[in-house]
Amino acid sequence: MAKSKSIKEKGKLSFTRYFQKFSEGDPIVLTRNLSFKNDFPLRMQGRTGVVIGTRGAAYVVKVNEGNMARQYIVKAINLKKIAELKK
């Protein structure tokens, strides 16, 4: 897991990732954006889940951890859409 950006990407913010839209049922992966110094828990890095709704500008994501389903509220900059969710 990267702890810093590469030299070519330092200071850059991708507006396409910042303003991306998701709908309910979209499979996503949680990825930490290193441009923002927010409190993104490292245990959430790389987890896959499904968008189940919105809350303001953030999205409510359902992630299965073991045999428990958990819900996280994550901003769009830390989400990445994937083609298909593996089960």
C-alpha atoms as a PDB file:
ATOM      1  CA  MET A   1       0.000   0.000   0.000  1.00  0.00           C
ATOM      2  CA  ALA A   2       1.368   3.367  -1.009  1.00  0.00           C
ATOM      3  CA  LYS A   3       1.968   5.905   1.708  1.00  0.00           C
ATOM      4  CA  SER A   4       2.680   8.751  -0.672  1.00  0.00           C
ATOM      5  CA  LYS A   5       1.956   9.700  -4.258  1.00  0.00           C
ATOM      6  CA  SER A   6       4.417   9.265  -7.079  1.00  0.00           C
ATOM      7  CA  ILE A   7       6.444  12.331  -8.023  1.00  0.00           C
ATOM      8  CA  LYS A   8       4.346  12.900 -11.180  1.00  0.00           C
ATOM      9  CA  GLU A   9       1.061  12.965  -9.265  1.00  0.00           C
ATOM     10  CA  LYS A  10       2.061  15.078  -6.257  1.00  0.00           C
ATOM     11  CA  GLY A  11      -0.352  17.900  -5.524  1.00  0.00           C
ATOM     12  CA  LYS A  12      -2.746  16.882  -8.264  1.00  0.00           C
ATOM     13  CA  LEU A  13      -6.408  16.300  -7.615  1.00  0.00           C
ATOM     14  CA  SER A  14      -8.444  14.356 -10.123  1.00  0.00           C
ATOM     15  CA  PHE A  15     -11.681  16.254 -10.682  1.00  0.00           C
ATOM     16  CA  THR A  16     -13.220  13.261 -12.439  1.00  0.00           C
ATOM     17  CA  ARG A  17     -12.823  11.194  -9.263  1.00  0.00           C
ATOM     18  CA  TYR A  18     -14.004  14.069  -7.079  1.00  0.00           C
ATOM     19  CA  PHE A  19     -17.247  14.627  -9.021  1.00  0.00           C
ATOM     20  CA  GLN A  20     -18.020  11.016  -9.968  1.00  0.00           C
ATOM     21  CA  LYS A  21     -21.565   9.768  -9.461  1.00  0.00           C
ATOM     22  CA  PHE A  22     -22.721   6.373  -8.251  1.00  0.00           C
ATOM     23  CA  SER A  23     -26.164   4.822  -8.200  1.00  0.00           C
ATOM     24  CA  GLU A  24     -27.606   2.254  -5.834  1.00  0.00           C
ATOM     25  CA  GLY A  25     -26.271  -1.229  -6.458  1.00  0.00           C
ATOM     26  CA  ASP A  26     -22.979  -0.144  -8.057  1.00  0.00           C
ATOM     27  CA  PRO A  27     -20.039  -2.347  -6.998  1.00  0.00           C
ATOM     28  CA  ILE A  28     -17.124  -0.271  -5.690  1.00  0.00           C
ATOM     29  CA  VAL A  29     -13.738  -0.597  -4.020  1.00  0.00           C
ATOM     30  CA  LEU A  30     -12.612   1.682  -1.188  1.00  0.00           C
ATOM     31  CA  THR A  31      -9.293   3.374  -2.015  1.00  0.00           C
ATOM     32  CA  ARG A  32      -7.610   6.076   0.011  1.00  0.00           C
ATOM     33  CA  ASN A  33      -6.792   9.252  -1.881  1.00  0.00           C
ATOM     34  CA  LEU A  34      -3.470  10.577  -0.660  1.00  0.00           C
ATOM     35  CA  SER A  35      -4.224  14.192  -1.668  1.00  0.00           C
ATOM     36  CA  PHE A  36      -6.660  14.560   1.226  1.00  0.00           C
ATOM     37  CA  LYS A  37      -5.515  14.416   4.811  1.00  0.00           C
ATOM     38  CA  ASN A  38      -8.760  13.012   6.121  1.00  0.00           C
ATOM     39  CA  ASP A  39      -9.258  10.261   8.640  1.00  0.00           C
ATOM     40  CA  PHE A  40      -9.601   7.274   6.350  1.00  0.00           C
ATOM     41  CA  PRO A  41      -9.138   4.089   8.387  1.00  0.00           C
ATOM     42  CA  LEU A  42      -6.445   1.822   6.964  1.00  0.00           C
ATOM     43  CA  ARG A  43      -8.553  -1.287   7.626  1.00  0.00           C
ATOM     44  CA  MET A  44     -11.025  -0.061   4.981  1.00  0.00           C
ATOM     45  CA  GLN A  45      -8.341   0.216   2.274  1.00  0.00           C
ATOM     46  CA  GLY A  46      -9.011  -2.195  -0.597  1.00  0.00           C
ATOM     47  CA  ARG A  47     -12.385  -3.459   0.650  1.00  0.00           C
ATOM     48  CA  THR A  48     -15.105  -4.092  -1.893  1.00  0.00           C
ATOM     49  CA  GLY A  49     -18.756  -3.337  -1.385  1.00  0.00           C
ATOM     50  CA  VAL A  50     -21.996  -2.062  -2.848  1.00  0.00           C
ATOM     51  CA  VAL A  51     -23.470   1.444  -2.773  1.00  0.00           C
ATOM     52  CA  ILE A  52     -26.801   1.349  -0.953  1.00  0.00           C
ATOM     53  CA  GLY A  53     -27.620   5.056  -0.810  1.00  0.00           C
ATOM     54  CA  THR A  54     -26.439   8.611  -0.342  1.00  0.00           C
ATOM     55  CA  ARG A  55     -26.114  10.857   2.662  1.00  0.00           C
ATOM     56  CA  GLY A  56     -25.475  14.425   1.616  1.00  0.00           C
ATOM     57  CA  ALA A  57     -22.438  14.468  -0.686  1.00  0.00           C
ATOM     58  CA  ALA A  58     -21.225  11.092   0.625  1.00  0.00           C
ATOM     59  CA  TYR A  59     -22.295   7.546  -0.175  1.00  0.00           C
ATOM     60  CA  VAL A  60     -23.429   4.777   2.155  1.00  0.00           C
ATOM     61  CA  VAL A  61     -21.488   1.627   1.296  1.00  0.00           C
ATOM     62  CA  LYS A  62     -22.255  -1.907   2.495  1.00  0.00           C
ATOM     63  CA  VAL A  63     -19.106  -3.974   3.021  1.00  0.00           C
ATOM     64  CA  ASN A  64     -19.007  -7.607   4.128  1.00  0.00           C
ATOM     65  CA  GLU A  65     -16.382  -8.260   6.793  1.00  0.00           C
ATOM     66  CA  GLY A  66     -16.288 -11.943   7.560  1.00  0.00           C
ATOM     67  CA  ASN A  67     -19.882 -12.938   8.215  1.00  0.00           C
ATOM     68  CA  MET A  68     -21.014  -9.436   9.204  1.00  0.00           C
ATOM     69  CA  ALA A  69     -22.244  -6.695   6.913  1.00  0.00           C
ATOM     70  CA  ARG A  70     -21.129  -3.199   7.855  1.00  0.00           C
ATOM     71  CA  GLN A  71     -22.128   0.193   6.522  1.00  0.00           C
ATOM     72  CA  TYR A  72     -19.665   3.018   5.976  1.00  0.00           C
ATOM     73  CA  ILE A  73     -20.259   6.604   4.897  1.00  0.00           C
ATOM     74  CA  VAL A  74     -17.528   7.516   2.408  1.00  0.00           C
ATOM     75  CA  LYS A  75     -16.960  10.492   0.130  1.00  0.00           C
ATOM     76  CA  ALA A  76     -16.780   9.904  -3.617  1.00  0.00           C
ATOM     77  CA  ILE A  77     -13.070  10.765  -3.821  1.00  0.00           C
ATOM     78  CA  ASN A  78     -12.279   7.554  -1.894  1.00  0.00           C
ATOM     79  CA  LEU A  79     -14.435   5.283  -4.086  1.00  0.00           C
ATOM     80  CA  LYS A  80     -13.617   3.562  -7.346  1.00  0.00           C
ATOM     81  CA  LYS A  81     -16.152   1.750  -9.504  1.00  0.00           C
ATOM     82  CA  ILE A  82     -15.349  -1.839 -10.482  1.00  0.00           C
ATOM     83  CA  ALA A  83     -16.813  -3.991 -13.210  1.00  0.00           C
ATOM     84  CA  GLU A  84     -18.176  -6.841 -11.125  1.00  0.00           C
ATOM     85  CA  LEU A  85     -18.189  -7.791  -7.469  1.00  0.00           C
ATOM     86  CA  LYS A  86     -16.631 -11.190  -6.731  1.00  0.00           C
ATOM     87  CA  LYS A  87     -18.439 -13.387  -4.244  1.00  0.00           C
END
